[in-house]
């Protein structure tokens, strides 16, 4: 199983990857939409952690591309801002869960166990 964490805050990406690796899930990071798109085109992923606010645009714009290239993968949207409009849009575009920052290891593990 492989995951891609797309977040411009590298510390968050490292933290999520550390949690995932302990669960024996491979983990890669991207800090921009461009980096994520390149990795998506070159690798297969089962799980995505997708931040909304990225330096080169709205992360939700990646959701249709992710779902087209990987219809059965899980996408967990993460954001420091929990606006109802963005949350609604995330689910309309195919997000499986929406998680507000800051989050804990327990929340991440709960998402993973609910997807088994």
Protein backbone atom coordinates (compact mmCIF):
# COMPACT_ATOMS: atom_id res chain seq x y z
CA UNK A 1 0.00 0.00 0.00
CA UNK A 2 1.30 3.46 -0.92
CA UNK A 3 0.23 6.94 0.18
CA UNK A 4 0.88 10.45 -1.10
CA UNK A 5 0.72 13.34 1.37
CA UNK A 6 0.13 16.65 -0.42
CA UNK A 7 0.73 19.52 2.00
CA UNK A 8 2.90 22.63 1.77
CA UNK A 9 3.76 22.30 5.46
CA UNK A 10 6.63 19.82 5.26
CA UNK A 11 6.44 19.08 9.00
CA UNK A 12 2.86 17.87 8.58
CA UNK A 13 3.90 15.69 5.66
CA UNK A 14 6.76 14.19 7.66
CA UNK A 15 4.50 13.55 10.63
CA UNK A 16 1.82 11.81 8.55
CA UNK A 17 4.47 9.76 6.73
CA UNK A 18 5.97 8.69 10.05
CA UNK A 19 2.55 7.45 11.23
CA UNK A 20 1.91 5.65 7.94
CA UNK A 21 5.32 3.99 7.81
CA UNK A 22 4.73 2.57 11.28
CA UNK A 23 1.64 0.95 9.80
CA UNK A 24 3.79 -0.44 6.97
CA UNK A 25 2.34 1.92 4.38
CA UNK A 26 4.80 3.46 1.94
CA UNK A 27 4.64 7.23 1.95
CA UNK A 28 5.64 10.00 -0.46
CA UNK A 29 5.30 13.76 -0.12
CA UNK A 30 4.46 16.66 -2.39
CA UNK A 31 4.25 20.32 -1.39
CA UNK A 32 2.53 21.73 -4.49
CA UNK A 33 -0.11 20.75 -7.02
CA UNK A 34 2.61 20.51 -9.67
CA UNK A 35 4.70 18.09 -7.57
CA UNK A 36 1.63 16.01 -6.74
CA UNK A 37 0.58 15.82 -10.40
CA UNK A 38 4.06 14.66 -11.43
CA UNK A 39 4.06 11.97 -8.74
CA UNK A 40 0.52 10.92 -9.63
CA UNK A 41 1.56 10.49 -13.26
CA UNK A 42 4.61 8.39 -12.33
CA UNK A 43 3.40 6.23 -9.41
CA UNK A 44 0.38 4.37 -8.14
CA UNK A 45 -1.12 5.34 -4.79
CA UNK A 46 -3.87 3.85 -2.64
CA UNK A 47 -4.30 6.71 -0.16
CA UNK A 48 -4.03 10.48 -0.46
CA UNK A 49 -3.86 13.11 2.25
CA UNK A 50 -4.72 16.34 0.44
CA UNK A 51 -4.38 19.84 1.86
CA UNK A 52 -6.67 22.50 0.41
CA UNK A 53 -4.43 25.56 0.55
CA UNK A 54 -1.32 24.94 -1.54
CA UNK A 55 1.13 27.53 -2.87
CA UNK A 56 0.10 26.98 -6.50
CA UNK A 57 -3.65 26.67 -6.02
CA UNK A 58 -6.55 24.94 -4.33
CA UNK A 59 -5.83 21.30 -3.57
CA UNK A 60 -9.46 20.42 -4.27
CA UNK A 61 -8.68 21.01 -7.94
CA UNK A 62 -6.60 17.80 -7.78
CA UNK A 63 -9.50 15.64 -6.62
CA UNK A 64 -11.00 14.98 -10.09
CA UNK A 65 -7.57 14.02 -11.46
CA UNK A 66 -6.91 11.73 -8.49
CA UNK A 67 -10.30 10.05 -8.83
CA UNK A 68 -9.93 9.61 -12.61
CA UNK A 69 -6.52 8.00 -12.33
CA UNK A 70 -7.37 6.00 -9.21
CA UNK A 71 -11.15 5.58 -8.77
CA UNK A 72 -10.88 3.23 -5.77
CA UNK A 73 -8.21 5.09 -3.81
CA UNK A 74 -9.07 6.90 -0.60
CA UNK A 75 -8.70 10.67 -0.38
CA UNK A 76 -8.57 12.35 3.01
CA UNK A 77 -8.79 16.13 2.73
CA UNK A 78 -6.94 18.03 5.45
CA UNK A 79 -7.23 21.72 6.16
CA UNK A 80 -6.44 24.28 8.82
CA UNK A 81 -9.68 26.02 7.89
CA UNK A 82 -12.98 24.22 8.16
CA UNK A 83 -15.36 26.15 5.93
CA UNK A 84 -18.62 24.36 5.23
CA UNK A 85 -18.45 25.31 1.54
CA UNK A 86 -15.01 23.72 1.10
CA UNK A 87 -16.01 20.65 3.06
CA UNK A 88 -19.16 20.24 0.93
CA UNK A 89 -17.15 20.71 -2.29
CA UNK A 90 -14.55 18.16 -1.13
CA UNK A 91 -17.23 15.51 -0.66
CA UNK A 92 -18.93 16.42 -3.96
CA UNK A 93 -15.59 15.90 -5.73
CA UNK A 94 -15.08 12.48 -4.17
CA UNK A 95 -13.25 12.98 -0.87
CA UNK A 96 -13.71 10.11 1.56
CA UNK A 97 -13.10 12.14 4.73
CA UNK A 98 -12.39 15.71 5.79
CA UNK A 99 -10.01 16.27 8.70
CA UNK A 100 -9.25 19.58 10.37
CA UNK A 101 -5.74 20.56 11.42
CA UNK A 102 -4.30 20.04 13.91
CA UNK A 103 -4.97 16.33 13.99
CA UNK A 104 -3.52 13.46 15.96
CA UNK A 105 -1.95 10.11 15.25
CA UNK A 106 -5.11 8.55 16.68
CA UNK A 107 -7.25 10.33 14.06
CA UNK A 108 -5.04 9.14 11.22
CA UNK A 109 -5.05 5.57 12.51
CA UNK A 110 -8.82 5.75 12.88
CA UNK A 111 -9.16 6.80 9.22
CA UNK A 112 -6.96 3.93 8.13
CA UNK A 113 -8.78 1.33 10.21
CA UNK A 114 -12.18 2.52 9.00
CA UNK A 115 -11.04 1.92 5.43
CA UNK A 116 -10.09 -1.75 5.87
